[in-house]
Each structure stands twice: as structure tokens, then as C-alpha cells.
Amino acid sequence: MSEEIWPAVRAARAWLDAANGTESAELTCRILKVTEEAGEAAAAWIGVLGQNPRKGVTHGPADVAAELADVAITALVAIESLGLDARRALTDRARLVLARTRSGS
């Protein structure tokens, strides 16, 4: 994973903390923002498929990838906003996924 990710995540958290504070309502919004970003990824995929007959094909696979990257970064910022180490959380989860795929369960 690129080393640029972690400074970007921490900078985004610091920026949000300074602008919006760190009260429970703000942390809730940061977690909900993950869902908003996921909706944008879904909308981009609908645009790839041309599923909306009024709009037709409006997006390409690179647009979907960019939106999915926004989901990932937003989730990492939310983790950091909880006072946790996003890198550690992601690494721990990756290890769990690897263990599952190796064991076949």
C-alpha cells in the first residue's frame, strides 16, 4: 500500500477535527459519510451499466474505482477519528481475511 495514504488520512482527520470538532455527532457523521461514499460508488456503477435509461452510460470503470477509493479513505479517516490506528485496523483485518481464504472458511 502506498505510503502516501497514511499522511493523507491523518491530515484529513486533523482538518475535520479543526473544522468540525470531535463530539459524538461529528464522529457519527464521519461514519455515515462512508455510506454516502458507497452510494456514490453504486451510482457510478449504475452509470457504467447505463441502467438509467434517461441518462445512459455516464461513467467508466475508472470512475467506479475512484469512488471506491473514496470509500476506503473515508473509512480509514473514520477509524482514525475514533482514536484508533487505521493502519493497524486495516492490517489486522487483512490478516483475518488471509487466514479465512487459506483455511477455506
Protein backbone atom coordinates (compact mmCIF):
# COMPACT_ATOMS: atom_id res chain seq x y z
CA MET A 1 0.00 0.00 0.00
CA SER A 2 1.28 3.45 -0.85
CA GLU A 3 2.90 5.36 1.98
CA GLU A 4 1.00 8.47 0.80
CA ILE A 5 -2.23 7.06 2.17
CA TRP A 6 -1.44 7.35 5.87
CA PRO A 7 -0.37 11.02 5.91
CA ALA A 8 -3.43 11.83 3.79
CA VAL A 9 -5.74 10.02 6.21
CA ARG A 10 -4.21 11.73 9.23
CA ALA A 11 -4.29 15.13 7.51
CA ALA A 12 -7.97 14.67 6.64
CA ARG A 13 -8.75 13.75 10.23
CA ALA A 14 -6.85 16.78 11.57
CA TRP A 15 -8.60 19.06 9.08
CA LEU A 16 -12.03 17.69 10.07
CA ASP A 17 -11.18 17.90 13.77
CA ALA A 18 -10.19 21.56 13.41
CA ALA A 19 -13.20 22.47 11.27
CA ASN A 20 -15.92 20.42 12.95
CA GLY A 21 -14.66 19.27 16.32
CA THR A 22 -14.72 15.74 17.69
CA GLU A 23 -18.02 15.45 19.53
CA SER A 24 -20.17 12.34 19.13
CA ALA A 25 -22.37 13.94 16.47
CA GLU A 26 -19.30 14.72 14.35
CA LEU A 27 -17.93 11.19 14.73
CA THR A 28 -21.35 9.85 13.75
CA CYS A 29 -21.27 11.98 10.60
CA ARG A 30 -17.82 10.66 9.70
CA ILE A 31 -19.04 7.09 9.99
CA LEU A 32 -22.19 7.88 8.00
CA LYS A 33 -20.00 9.54 5.34
CA VAL A 34 -18.72 6.04 4.49
CA THR A 35 -22.29 5.13 3.47
CA GLU A 36 -22.62 8.29 1.41
CA GLU A 37 -19.40 7.49 -0.44
CA ALA A 38 -20.58 3.90 -1.02
CA GLY A 39 -23.73 5.34 -2.57
CA GLU A 40 -21.60 7.36 -4.96
CA ALA A 41 -19.73 4.19 -5.94
CA ALA A 42 -23.04 2.46 -6.55
CA ALA A 43 -24.26 5.39 -8.65
CA ALA A 44 -21.09 5.26 -10.72
CA TRP A 45 -21.57 1.53 -11.33
CA ILE A 46 -25.16 2.20 -12.43
CA GLY A 47 -23.64 4.76 -14.81
CA VAL A 48 -21.24 2.14 -16.18
CA LEU A 49 -24.14 -0.21 -16.84
CA GLY A 50 -26.28 2.53 -18.37
CA GLN A 51 -29.05 1.34 -16.07
CA ASN A 52 -30.79 4.71 -16.04
CA PRO A 53 -32.47 4.93 -19.46
CA ARG A 54 -32.78 8.70 -19.19
CA LYS A 55 -29.02 9.16 -18.70
CA GLY A 56 -27.48 6.17 -20.47
CA VAL A 57 -23.84 5.30 -19.88
CA THR A 58 -22.36 8.09 -17.79
CA HIS A 59 -19.34 6.55 -16.07
CA GLY A 60 -16.42 4.27 -16.77
CA PRO A 61 -14.67 1.69 -14.62
CA ALA A 62 -12.06 4.28 -13.57
CA ASP A 63 -14.88 6.42 -12.12
CA VAL A 64 -16.07 3.44 -10.08
CA ALA A 65 -12.53 2.77 -8.87
CA ALA A 66 -12.14 6.40 -7.80
CA GLU A 67 -15.41 6.29 -5.87
CA LEU A 68 -14.41 3.01 -4.20
CA ALA A 69 -11.10 4.59 -3.23
CA ASP A 70 -13.08 7.43 -1.65
CA VAL A 71 -14.99 4.82 0.36
CA ALA A 72 -11.74 3.27 1.58
CA ILE A 73 -10.14 6.59 2.53
CA THR A 74 -13.31 7.79 4.23
CA ALA A 75 -13.44 4.58 6.26
CA LEU A 76 -9.80 4.99 7.29
CA VAL A 77 -10.46 8.59 8.36
CA ALA A 78 -13.43 7.39 10.42
CA ILE A 79 -11.25 4.78 12.13
CA GLU A 80 -8.62 7.40 12.98
CA SER A 81 -11.39 9.70 14.22
CA LEU A 82 -12.33 7.04 16.77
CA GLY A 83 -8.83 7.42 18.19
CA LEU A 84 -7.62 4.17 16.66
CA ASP A 85 -4.75 3.41 14.33
CA ALA A 86 -6.28 2.89 10.89
CA ARG A 87 -3.17 1.18 9.56
CA ARG A 88 -3.27 -1.33 12.42
CA ALA A 89 -7.02 -1.91 11.99
CA LEU A 90 -6.62 -2.49 8.26
CA THR A 91 -3.61 -4.75 8.71
CA ASP A 92 -5.38 -6.81 11.37
CA ARG A 93 -8.41 -7.22 9.12
CA ALA A 94 -6.24 -8.16 6.14
CA ARG A 95 -4.60 -10.88 8.23
CA LEU A 96 -8.03 -12.21 9.17
CA VAL A 97 -9.09 -12.27 5.53
CA LEU A 98 -5.91 -14.10 4.56
CA ALA A 99 -6.44 -16.66 7.29
CA ARG A 100 -10.02 -17.24 6.12
CA THR A 101 -9.05 -17.64 2.49
CA ARG A 102 -6.22 -20.01 3.34
CA SER A 103 -8.41 -22.17 5.55
CA GLY A 104 -11.28 -22.17 3.06
CA SER A 105 -13.86 -20.94 5.58
